[in-house]
PDB file of N, CA and C in Angstrom:
ATOM      1  N   UNK A   1       8.128 -28.199  36.727  1.00  0.00           N
ATOM      2  CA  UNK A   1       8.667 -27.500  34.952  1.00  0.00           C
ATOM      3  C   UNK A   1       9.701 -26.502  35.584  1.00  0.00           C
ATOM      4  N   UNK A   2      10.579 -26.440  34.454  1.00  0.00           N
ATOM      5  CA  UNK A   2      11.940 -25.688  35.024  1.00  0.00           C
ATOM      6  C   UNK A   2      11.918 -24.334  34.351  1.00  0.00           C
ATOM      7  N   UNK A   3      12.451 -23.862  34.619  1.00  0.00           N
ATOM      8  CA  UNK A   3      12.365 -22.180  33.700  1.00  0.00           C
ATOM      9  C   UNK A   3      12.251 -22.407  32.667  1.00  0.00           C
ATOM     10  N   UNK A   4      13.454 -22.766  31.857  1.00  0.00           N
ATOM     11  CA  UNK A   4      13.724 -22.617  30.305  1.00  0.00           C
ATOM     12  C   UNK A   4      12.060 -23.445  29.887  1.00  0.00           C
ATOM     13  N   UNK A   5      11.422 -24.703  30.249  1.00  0.00           N
ATOM     14  CA  UNK A   5      10.251 -25.093  29.459  1.00  0.00           C
ATOM     15  C   UNK A   5       9.306 -23.913  30.086  1.00  0.00           C
ATOM     16  N   UNK A   6       9.137 -23.360  31.384  1.00  0.00           N
ATOM     17  CA  UNK A   6       8.140 -22.333  31.204  1.00  0.00           C
ATOM     18  C   UNK A   6       8.659 -21.108  29.844  1.00  0.00           C
ATOM     19  N   UNK A   7       9.576 -20.960  29.811  1.00  0.00           N
ATOM     20  CA  UNK A   7       9.775 -19.710  29.259  1.00  0.00           C
ATOM     21  C   UNK A   7       9.514 -20.404  27.643  1.00  0.00           C
ATOM     22  N   UNK A   8       9.699 -21.432  27.145  1.00  0.00           N
ATOM     23  CA  UNK A   8       9.271 -21.767  26.139  1.00  0.00           C
ATOM     24  C   UNK A   8       7.710 -21.786  25.719  1.00  0.00           C
ATOM     25  N   UNK A   9       7.314 -22.390  26.749  1.00  0.00           N
ATOM     26  CA  UNK A   9       5.231 -21.792  26.516  1.00  0.00           C
ATOM     27  C   UNK A   9       5.014 -21.026  26.648  1.00  0.00           C
ATOM     28  N   UNK A  10       5.676 -19.714  27.350  1.00  0.00           N
ATOM     29  CA  UNK A  10       4.911 -18.509  27.597  1.00  0.00           C
ATOM     30  C   UNK A  10       5.654 -17.930  25.848  1.00  0.00           C
ATOM     31  N   UNK A  11       6.839 -18.769  25.374  1.00  0.00           N
ATOM     32  CA  UNK A  11       7.285 -17.749  23.946  1.00  0.00           C
ATOM     33  C   UNK A  11       5.908 -18.387  22.983  1.00  0.00           C
ATOM     34  N   UNK A  12       5.898 -19.608  23.197  1.00  0.00           N
ATOM     35  CA  UNK A  12       4.721 -19.977  22.266  1.00  0.00           C
ATOM     36  C   UNK A  12       3.407 -19.674  22.267  1.00  0.00           C
ATOM     37  N   UNK A  13       3.259 -19.272  23.515  1.00  0.00           N
ATOM     38  CA  UNK A  13       1.855 -18.723  23.840  1.00  0.00           C
ATOM     39  C   UNK A  13       1.830 -17.567  22.887  1.00  0.00           C
ATOM     40  N   UNK A  14       2.370 -16.516  23.478  1.00  0.00           N
ATOM     41  CA  UNK A  14       2.571 -15.531  22.913  1.00  0.00           C
ATOM     42  C   UNK A  14       2.934 -14.977  21.078  1.00  0.00           C
ATOM     43  N   UNK A  15       3.420 -16.454  20.724  1.00  0.00           N
ATOM     44  CA  UNK A  15       3.939 -16.109  19.119  1.00  0.00           C
ATOM     45  C   UNK A  15       2.582 -16.905  18.528  1.00  0.00           C
ATOM     46  N   UNK A  16       1.626 -17.782  19.005  1.00  0.00           N
ATOM     47  CA  UNK A  16       0.604 -17.957  18.736  1.00  0.00           C
ATOM     48  C   UNK A  16      -0.736 -16.817  18.690  1.00  0.00           C
ATOM     49  N   UNK A  17      -0.666 -16.156  19.703  1.00  0.00           N
ATOM     50  CA  UNK A  17      -1.943 -15.334  19.590  1.00  0.00           C
ATOM     51  C   UNK A  17      -1.226 -13.906  18.664  1.00  0.00           C
ATOM     52  N   UNK A  18       0.271 -13.399  18.627  1.00  0.00           N
ATOM     53  CA  UNK A  18       0.559 -13.014  18.176  1.00  0.00           C
ATOM     54  C   UNK A  18      -0.427 -13.077  15.873  1.00  0.00           C
ATOM     55  N   UNK A  19       0.466 -13.984  16.045  1.00  0.00           N
ATOM     56  CA  UNK A  19       0.169 -15.193  14.537  1.00  0.00           C
ATOM     57  C   UNK A  19      -0.985 -14.456  13.743  1.00  0.00           C
ATOM     58  N   UNK A  20      -2.599 -14.644  14.120  1.00  0.00           N
ATOM     59  CA  UNK A  20      -3.477 -13.897  13.275  1.00  0.00           C
ATOM     60  C   UNK A  20      -3.067 -12.488  12.910  1.00  0.00           C
ATOM     61  N   UNK A  21      -2.369 -11.079  13.930  1.00  0.00           N
ATOM     62  CA  UNK A  21      -2.283 -10.073  13.761  1.00  0.00           C
ATOM     63  C   UNK A  21      -1.426  -9.598  12.480  1.00  0.00           C
ATOM     64  N   UNK A  22      -0.446 -11.308  12.199  1.00  0.00           N
ATOM     65  CA  UNK A  22       0.785 -11.234  11.148  1.00  0.00           C
ATOM     66  C   UNK A  22       0.513 -11.259   9.671  1.00  0.00           C
ATOM     67  N   UNK A  23      -0.656 -12.314   9.785  1.00  0.00           N
ATOM     68  CA  UNK A  23      -1.119 -12.442   8.895  1.00  0.00           C
ATOM     69  C   UNK A  23      -1.969 -11.788   7.789  1.00  0.00           C
ATOM     70  N   UNK A  24      -0.830 -11.574   6.650  1.00  0.00           N
ATOM     71  CA  UNK A  24      -2.155 -11.210   5.242  1.00  0.00           C
ATOM     72  C   UNK A  24      -2.759 -11.793   4.601  1.00  0.00           C
ATOM     73  N   UNK A  25      -2.945 -12.353   4.606  1.00  0.00           N
ATOM     74  CA  UNK A  25      -4.517 -13.492   3.659  1.00  0.00           C
ATOM     75  C   UNK A  25      -4.652 -14.379   4.804  1.00  0.00           C
ATOM     76  N   UNK A  26      -6.215 -14.435   4.297  1.00  0.00           N
ATOM     77  CA  UNK A  26      -6.887 -15.433   5.035  1.00  0.00           C
ATOM     78  C   UNK A  26      -7.784 -16.412   3.542  1.00  0.00           C
ATOM     79  N   UNK A  27      -7.643 -17.582   4.259  1.00  0.00           N
ATOM     80  CA  UNK A  27      -8.449 -18.628   3.587  1.00  0.00           C
ATOM     81  C   UNK A  27      -9.420 -19.734   4.491  1.00  0.00           C
ATOM     82  N   UNK A  28     -10.471 -19.055   3.249  1.00  0.00           N
ATOM     83  CA  UNK A  28     -11.565 -20.078   3.726  1.00  0.00           C
ATOM     84  C   UNK A  28     -12.096 -21.324   3.196  1.00  0.00           C
ATOM     85  N   UNK A  29     -12.902 -21.898   3.676  1.00  0.00           N
ATOM     86  CA  UNK A  29     -13.070 -23.686   2.996  1.00  0.00           C
ATOM     87  C   UNK A  29     -15.272 -23.430   2.785  1.00  0.00           C
ATOM     88  N   UNK A  30     -15.389 -23.115   1.611  1.00  0.00           N
ATOM     89  CA  UNK A  30     -16.644 -23.124   1.580  1.00  0.00           C
ATOM     90  C   UNK A  30     -17.150 -24.450   0.637  1.00  0.00           C
ATOM     91  N   UNK A  31     -18.490 -24.438   0.403  1.00  0.00           N
ATOM     92  CA  UNK A  31     -19.353 -25.120  -0.709  1.00  0.00           C
ATOM     93  C   UNK A  31     -20.143 -24.484  -1.517  1.00  0.00           C
ATOM     94  N   UNK A  32     -19.761 -24.933  -2.288  1.00  0.00           N
ATOM     95  CA  UNK A  32     -20.897 -24.067  -3.463  1.00  0.00           C
ATOM     96  C   UNK A  32     -22.191 -24.708  -3.842  1.00  0.00           C
ATOM     97  N   UNK A  33     -23.244 -23.848  -4.520  1.00  0.00           N
ATOM     98  CA  UNK A  33     -24.469 -24.900  -4.277  1.00  0.00           C
ATOM     99  C   UNK A  33     -24.688 -26.194  -4.845  1.00  0.00           C
ATOM    100  N   UNK A  34     -23.643 -26.754  -5.777  1.00  0.00           N
ATOM    101  CA  UNK A  34     -23.753 -28.132  -5.777  1.00  0.00           C
ATOM    102  C   UNK A  34     -22.810 -29.163  -4.792  1.00  0.00           C
ATOM    103  N   UNK A  35     -22.144 -28.526  -3.817  1.00  0.00           N
ATOM    104  CA  UNK A  35     -21.574 -29.078  -2.422  1.00  0.00           C
ATOM    105  C   UNK A  35     -19.936 -29.067  -2.647  1.00  0.00           C
ATOM    106  N   UNK A  36     -19.580 -28.682  -3.905  1.00  0.00           N
ATOM    107  CA  UNK A  36     -18.115 -28.959  -4.152  1.00  0.00           C
ATOM    108  C   UNK A  36     -17.346 -27.536  -3.515  1.00  0.00           C
ATOM    109  N   UNK A  37     -16.314 -28.009  -2.805  1.00  0.00           N
ATOM    110  CA  UNK A  37     -15.694 -27.493  -2.122  1.00  0.00           C
ATOM    111  C   UNK A  37     -14.663 -26.258  -2.427  1.00  0.00           C
ATOM    112  N   UNK A  38     -14.794 -24.683  -2.448  1.00  0.00           N
ATOM    113  CA  UNK A  38     -14.334 -23.836  -3.053  1.00  0.00           C
ATOM    114  C   UNK A  38     -13.465 -23.373  -2.037  1.00  0.00           C
ATOM    115  N   UNK A  39     -12.449 -22.958  -2.394  1.00  0.00           N
ATOM    116  CA  UNK A  39     -11.451 -22.463  -1.492  1.00  0.00           C
ATOM    117  C   UNK A  39     -11.205 -20.765  -1.354  1.00  0.00           C
ATOM    118  N   UNK A  40     -11.724 -19.877  -1.125  1.00  0.00           N
ATOM    119  CA  UNK A  40     -11.382 -18.410  -1.061  1.00  0.00           C
ATOM    120  C   UNK A  40     -10.363 -17.740  -0.242  1.00  0.00           C
ATOM    121  N   UNK A  41      -9.749 -17.209  -0.889  1.00  0.00           N
ATOM    122  CA  UNK A  41      -7.968 -16.362  -0.126  1.00  0.00           C
ATOM    123  C   UNK A  41      -8.331 -14.857  -0.796  1.00  0.00           C
ATOM    124  N   UNK A  42      -8.169 -14.173   0.368  1.00  0.00           N
ATOM    125  CA  UNK A  42      -8.476 -13.014   0.677  1.00  0.00           C
ATOM    126  C   UNK A  42      -7.496 -12.372   1.504  1.00  0.00           C
ATOM    127  N   UNK A  43      -6.996 -11.010   1.320  1.00  0.00           N
ATOM    128  CA  UNK A  43      -6.350 -10.027   1.286  1.00  0.00           C
ATOM    129  C   UNK A  43      -5.581  -8.844   1.108  1.00  0.00           C
ATOM    130  N   UNK A  44      -4.874  -8.195   1.462  1.00  0.00           N
ATOM    131  CA  UNK A  44      -4.311  -7.499   1.250  1.00  0.00           C
ATOM    132  C   UNK A  44      -3.015  -7.087   0.258  1.00  0.00           C
ATOM    133  N   UNK A  45      -2.821  -6.652  -0.699  1.00  0.00           N
ATOM    134  CA  UNK A  45      -1.132  -6.444  -1.605  1.00  0.00           C
ATOM    135  C   UNK A  45      -0.491  -6.330  -0.205  1.00  0.00           C
ATOM    136  N   UNK A  46       0.926  -5.923   0.015  1.00  0.00           N
ATOM    137  CA  UNK A  46       1.756  -5.493   0.576  1.00  0.00           C
ATOM    138  C   UNK A  46       2.137  -4.116   0.203  1.00  0.00           C
ATOM    139  N   UNK A  47       2.147  -2.997   0.841  1.00  0.00           N
ATOM    140  CA  UNK A  47       2.009  -1.804   0.197  1.00  0.00           C
ATOM    141  C   UNK A  47       3.571  -1.442  -0.186  1.00  0.00           C
ATOM    142  N   UNK A  48       3.578  -0.528  -1.139  1.00  0.00           N
ATOM    143  CA  UNK A  48       4.858  -0.278  -1.750  1.00  0.00           C
ATOM    144  C   UNK A  48       5.177   0.938  -1.124  1.00  0.00           C
ATOM    145  N   UNK A  49       6.308   0.725  -1.246  1.00  0.00           N
ATOM    146  CA  UNK A  49       6.984   1.739  -0.470  1.00  0.00           C
ATOM    147  C   UNK A  49       7.936   2.882  -1.641  1.00  0.00           C
ATOM    148  N   UNK A  50       7.253   4.184  -1.563  1.00  0.00           N
ATOM    149  CA  UNK A  50       8.138   5.028  -2.828  1.00  0.00           C
ATOM    150  C   UNK A  50       8.963   5.987  -1.561  1.00  0.00           C
ATOM    151  N   UNK A  51       8.894   5.877  -0.854  1.00  0.00           N
ATOM    152  CA  UNK A  51       9.810   6.999   0.052  1.00  0.00           C
ATOM    153  C   UNK A  51       9.163   8.653  -0.134  1.00  0.00           C
ATOM    154  N   UNK A  52       9.852   9.286   0.047  1.00  0.00           N
ATOM    155  CA  UNK A  52       9.476  10.815   0.215  1.00  0.00           C
ATOM    156  C   UNK A  52       8.824  11.352  -1.202  1.00  0.00           C
ATOM    157  N   UNK A  53       7.824  11.967  -1.185  1.00  0.00           N
ATOM    158  CA  UNK A  53       7.653  12.731  -2.623  1.00  0.00           C
ATOM    159  C   UNK A  53       9.011  13.233  -2.882  1.00  0.00           C
ATOM    160  N   UNK A  54       9.335  13.229  -3.952  1.00  0.00           N
ATOM    161  CA  UNK A  54       9.937  14.224  -4.885  1.00  0.00           C
ATOM    162  C   UNK A  54       9.877  15.961  -4.677  1.00  0.00           C
ATOM    163  N   UNK A  55      11.318  16.518  -5.318  1.00  0.00           N
ATOM    164  CA  UNK A  55      10.454  17.647  -5.172  1.00  0.00           C
ATOM    165  C   UNK A  55       9.525  18.371  -6.196  1.00  0.00           C
ATOM    166  N   UNK A  56       8.899  19.460  -6.086  1.00  0.00           N
ATOM    167  CA  UNK A  56       8.691  19.812  -7.167  1.00  0.00           C
ATOM    168  C   UNK A  56       9.523  20.149  -9.004  1.00  0.00           C
ATOM    169  N   UNK A  57      10.476  20.707  -8.401  1.00  0.00           N
ATOM    170  CA  UNK A  57      11.275  21.002  -9.621  1.00  0.00           C
ATOM    171  C   UNK A  57      12.139  19.517 -10.392  1.00  0.00           C
ATOM    172  N   UNK A  58      12.410  18.196  -9.212  1.00  0.00           N
ATOM    173  CA  UNK A  58      13.088  17.558 -10.265  1.00  0.00           C
ATOM    174  C   UNK A  58      11.467  16.309 -10.676  1.00  0.00           C
ATOM    175  N   UNK A  59       9.995  16.596 -10.640  1.00  0.00           N
ATOM    176  CA  UNK A  59       9.300  16.370 -11.610  1.00  0.00           C
ATOM    177  C   UNK A  59       8.783  17.393 -12.609  1.00  0.00           C
ATOM    178  N   UNK A  60       9.017  18.367 -12.541  1.00  0.00           N
ATOM    179  CA  UNK A  60       8.449  19.218 -13.918  1.00  0.00           C
ATOM    180  C   UNK A  60      10.481  19.383 -14.455  1.00  0.00           C
ATOM    181  N   UNK A  61      10.483  18.405 -15.283  1.00  0.00           N
ATOM    182  CA  UNK A  61      11.521  17.987 -16.106  1.00  0.00           C
ATOM    183  C   UNK A  61      11.975  19.287 -17.541  1.00  0.00           C
ATOM    184  N   UNK A  62      10.981  19.746 -17.807  1.00  0.00           N
ATOM    185  CA  UNK A  62      11.058  20.345 -19.079  1.00  0.00           C
ATOM    186  C   UNK A  62      11.168  22.059 -18.602  1.00  0.00           C
ATOM    187  N   UNK A  63      10.805  22.303 -16.810  1.00  0.00           N
ATOM    188  CA  UNK A  63      10.990  23.433 -16.589  1.00  0.00           C
ATOM    189  C   UNK A  63      10.054  24.319 -17.294  1.00  0.00           C
ATOM    190  N   UNK A  64       8.700  23.610 -17.377  1.00  0.00           N
ATOM    191  CA  UNK A  64       7.709  24.951 -17.447  1.00  0.00           C
ATOM    192  C   UNK A  64       6.821  25.294 -16.910  1.00  0.00           C
ATOM    193  N   UNK A  65       7.301  24.975 -15.078  1.00  0.00           N
ATOM    194  CA  UNK A  65       6.172  25.703 -14.401  1.00  0.00           C
ATOM    195  C   UNK A  65       4.955  24.512 -14.220  1.00  0.00           C
ATOM    196  N   UNK A  66       4.859  23.532 -14.472  1.00  0.00           N
ATOM    197  CA  UNK A  66       3.912  22.560 -14.001  1.00  0.00           C
ATOM    198  C   UNK A  66       4.082  21.250 -14.424  1.00  0.00           C
ATOM    199  N   UNK A  67       3.592  20.213 -14.066  1.00  0.00           N
ATOM    200  CA  UNK A  67       3.425  19.085 -14.101  1.00  0.00           C
ATOM    201  C   UNK A  67       2.731  18.228 -15.520  1.00  0.00           C
ATOM    202  N   UNK A  68       3.512  18.156 -15.821  1.00  0.00           N
ATOM    203  CA  UNK A  68       2.719  17.206 -17.116  1.00  0.00           C
ATOM    204  C   UNK A  68       2.209  15.913 -16.906  1.00  0.00           C
ATOM    205  N   UNK A  69       0.860  15.082 -17.458  1.00  0.00           N
ATOM    206  CA  UNK A  69       1.070  13.727 -16.746  1.00  0.00           C
ATOM    207  C   UNK A  69       1.912  12.533 -17.334  1.00  0.00           C
ATOM    208  N   UNK A  70       2.355  12.988 -18.594  1.00  0.00           N
ATOM    209  CA  UNK A  70       4.252  11.821 -18.530  1.00  0.00           C
ATOM    210  C   UNK A  70       4.877  12.366 -17.612  1.00  0.00           C
ATOM    211  N   UNK A  71       5.150  13.764 -17.116  1.00  0.00           N
ATOM    212  CA  UNK A  71       6.257  13.906 -16.118  1.00  0.00           C
ATOM    213  C   UNK A  71       5.824  12.935 -14.862  1.00  0.00           C
ATOM    214  N   UNK A  72       4.590  13.483 -14.461  1.00  0.00           N
ATOM    215  CA  UNK A  72       4.070  12.498 -13.310  1.00  0.00           C
ATOM    216  C   UNK A  72       4.305  10.896 -13.302  1.00  0.00           C
ATOM    217  N   UNK A  73       4.501  10.117 -14.601  1.00  0.00           N
ATOM    218  CA  UNK A  73       4.921   9.146 -14.790  1.00  0.00           C
ATOM    219  C   UNK A  73       6.098   8.868 -13.787  1.00  0.00           C
ATOM    220  N   UNK A  74       7.070   9.595 -13.509  1.00  0.00           N
ATOM    221  CA  UNK A  74       8.256   9.264 -12.936  1.00  0.00           C
ATOM    222  C   UNK A  74       8.159   8.904 -11.493  1.00  0.00           C
ATOM    223  N   UNK A  75       6.755   9.567 -10.856  1.00  0.00           N
ATOM    224  CA  UNK A  75       6.435   9.014  -9.909  1.00  0.00           C
ATOM    225  C   UNK A  75       5.461   8.504  -9.560  1.00  0.00           C
ATOM    226  N   UNK A  76       5.514   7.298  -9.130  1.00  0.00           N
ATOM    227  CA  UNK A  76       3.482   6.243  -9.345  1.00  0.00           C
ATOM    228  C   UNK A  76       2.499   6.561  -8.540  1.00  0.00           C
ATOM    229  N   UNK A  77       2.425   6.951  -7.582  1.00  0.00           N
ATOM    230  CA  UNK A  77       1.730   7.514  -6.537  1.00  0.00           C
ATOM    231  C   UNK A  77       1.285   9.284  -7.105  1.00  0.00           C
ATOM    232  N   UNK A  78       1.922   9.588  -7.744  1.00  0.00           N
ATOM    233  CA  UNK A  78       1.246  10.936  -8.394  1.00  0.00           C
ATOM    234  C   UNK A  78       0.933  10.483  -9.310  1.00  0.00           C
ATOM    235  N   UNK A  79       1.427  10.390 -10.644  1.00  0.00           N
ATOM    236  CA  UNK A  79       0.595   9.608 -12.069  1.00  0.00           C
ATOM    237  C   UNK A  79      -0.967   8.345 -11.578  1.00  0.00           C
ATOM    238  N   UNK A  80      -1.359   8.000 -10.349  1.00  0.00           N
ATOM    239  CA  UNK A  80      -2.129   7.197  -9.803  1.00  0.00           C
ATOM    240  C   UNK A  80      -2.647   8.221  -9.871  1.00  0.00           C
ATOM    241  N   UNK A  81      -2.727   9.461  -8.691  1.00  0.00           N
ATOM    242  CA  UNK A  81      -3.821  10.723  -8.454  1.00  0.00           C
ATOM    243  C   UNK A  81      -3.837  11.977  -9.343  1.00  0.00           C
ATOM    244  N   UNK A  82      -3.238  11.307 -10.550  1.00  0.00           N
ATOM    245  CA  UNK A  82      -3.011  12.612 -11.052  1.00  0.00           C
ATOM    246  C   UNK A  82      -4.288  13.398 -11.874  1.00  0.00           C
ATOM    247  N   UNK A  83      -5.219  12.604 -11.731  1.00  0.00           N
ATOM    248  CA  UNK A  83      -6.499  13.043 -12.200  1.00  0.00           C
ATOM    249  C   UNK A  83      -7.191  14.219 -10.845  1.00  0.00           C
ATOM    250  N   UNK A  84      -7.148  13.630  -9.681  1.00  0.00           N
ATOM    251  CA  UNK A  84      -7.425  14.206  -8.484  1.00  0.00           C
ATOM    252  C   UNK A  84      -6.587  15.348  -7.623  1.00  0.00           C
ATOM    253  N   UNK A  85      -5.190  15.100  -8.563  1.00  0.00           N
ATOM    254  CA  UNK A  85      -4.295  16.710  -8.086  1.00  0.00           C
ATOM    255  C   UNK A  85      -4.547  17.684  -8.924  1.00  0.00           C
ATOM    256  N   UNK A  86      -4.453  17.419 -10.459  1.00  0.00           N
ATOM    257  CA  UNK A  86      -4.617  18.063 -11.597  1.00  0.00           C
ATOM    258  C   UNK A  86      -6.489  18.365 -11.918  1.00  0.00           C
ATOM    259  N   UNK A  87      -6.770  19.666 -11.315  1.00  0.00           N
ATOM    260  CA  UNK A  87      -7.902  19.663 -10.896  1.00  0.00           C
ATOM    261  C   UNK A  87      -8.073  20.243 -12.669  1.00  0.00           C
ATOM    262  N   UNK A  88      -7.787  20.829 -13.264  1.00  0.00           N
ATOM    263  CA  UNK A  88      -7.863  21.512 -14.271  1.00  0.00           C
ATOM    264  C   UNK A  88      -7.941  20.190 -15.526  1.00  0.00           C
ATOM    265  N   UNK A  89      -6.945  19.245 -14.980  1.00  0.00           N
ATOM    266  CA  UNK A  89      -7.456  17.726 -15.848  1.00  0.00           C
ATOM    267  C   UNK A  89      -6.078  17.608 -16.857  1.00  0.00           C
ATOM    268  N   UNK A  90      -4.954  18.749 -16.793  1.00  0.00           N
ATOM    269  CA  UNK A  90      -4.246  18.826 -18.016  1.00  0.00           C
ATOM    270  C   UNK A  90      -2.992  18.918 -17.107  1.00  0.00           C
ATOM    271  N   UNK A  91      -2.558  19.478 -16.215  1.00  0.00           N
ATOM    272  CA  UNK A  91      -0.927  19.817 -15.858  1.00  0.00           C
ATOM    273  C   UNK A  91      -1.450  20.348 -14.509  1.00  0.00           C
ATOM    274  N   UNK A  92      -0.131  19.752 -13.283  1.00  0.00           N
ATOM    275  CA  UNK A  92      -0.459  19.975 -11.548  1.00  0.00           C
ATOM    276  C   UNK A  92       0.583  21.137 -11.300  1.00  0.00           C
ATOM    277  N   UNK A  93       0.215  22.158 -10.724  1.00  0.00           N
ATOM    278  CA  UNK A  93       0.738  23.399 -10.451  1.00  0.00           C
ATOM    279  C   UNK A  93       1.323  22.981  -9.324  1.00  0.00           C
ATOM    280  N   UNK A  94       2.538  23.975  -9.205  1.00  0.00           N
ATOM    281  CA  UNK A  94       3.128  24.142  -7.755  1.00  0.00           C
ATOM    282  C   UNK A  94       2.365  24.225  -6.844  1.00  0.00           C
ATOM    283  N   UNK A  95       1.293  24.367  -6.707  1.00  0.00           N
ATOM    284  CA  UNK A  95       0.259  24.909  -5.405  1.00  0.00           C
ATOM    285  C   UNK A  95      -0.231  23.350  -5.718  1.00  0.00           C
ATOM    286  N   UNK A  96      -0.385  22.667  -6.147  1.00  0.00           N
ATOM    287  CA  UNK A  96      -1.874  21.856  -6.435  1.00  0.00           C
ATOM    288  C   UNK A  96      -0.859  20.645  -5.785  1.00  0.00           C
ATOM    289  N   UNK A  97       0.752  20.623  -6.236  1.00  0.00           N
ATOM    290  CA  UNK A  97       1.546  19.350  -5.270  1.00  0.00           C
ATOM    291  C   UNK A  97       1.942  19.550  -4.420  1.00  0.00           C
ATOM    292  N   UNK A  98       2.559  20.629  -3.845  1.00  0.00           N
ATOM    293  CA  UNK A  98       2.249  21.291  -2.160  1.00  0.00           C
ATOM    294  C   UNK A  98       1.093  21.086  -1.478  1.00  0.00           C
ATOM    295  N   UNK A  99      -0.104  20.185  -2.277  1.00  0.00           N
ATOM    296  CA  UNK A  99      -1.192  20.574  -1.250  1.00  0.00           C
ATOM    297  C   UNK A  99      -1.621  18.979  -1.393  1.00  0.00           C
ATOM    298  N   UNK A 100      -0.691  18.244  -2.096  1.00  0.00           N
ATOM    299  CA  UNK A 100      -1.356  16.704  -2.369  1.00  0.00           C
ATOM    300  C   UNK A 100      -0.583  16.226  -1.488  1.00  0.00           C
ATOM    301  N   UNK A 101      -0.734  14.406  -0.841  1.00  0.00           N
ATOM    302  CA  UNK A 101      -0.141  14.086  -0.015  1.00  0.00           C
ATOM    303  C   UNK A 101      -0.834  12.528   0.136  1.00  0.00           C
ATOM    304  N   UNK A 102       0.564  11.961  -0.440  1.00  0.00           N
ATOM    305  CA  UNK A 102       0.042  10.435  -1.133  1.00  0.00           C
ATOM    306  C   UNK A 102      -0.002   9.288   0.087  1.00  0.00           C
ATOM    307  N   UNK A 103       0.113   9.749   1.293  1.00  0.00           N
ATOM    308  CA  UNK A 103       0.164   8.545   2.015  1.00  0.00           C
ATOM    309  C   UNK A 103      -0.835   8.402   2.779  1.00  0.00           C
TER     310      UNK A 103
END
């Protein structure tokens, strides 16, 4: 066997071993109670990349010293966590925003 063939086989084996790690979804073929084939696909969606969180001043568009639910909509991760971050349920203070880590 020549060196090119050995290299090609090695690369193929390494790729085959790594492929399950790269897969986002899994597919299983099962049977239901009546014996019909059922295909089940599972997996996680690709993570959204929002980048670094904006500064408090960038979110506080009306400059009242807090971030409302409407202002939080400008940054989807904050809008999603609004009830968690705004402990009083209505507005986010600079201190609450500084303590929040969305990653």
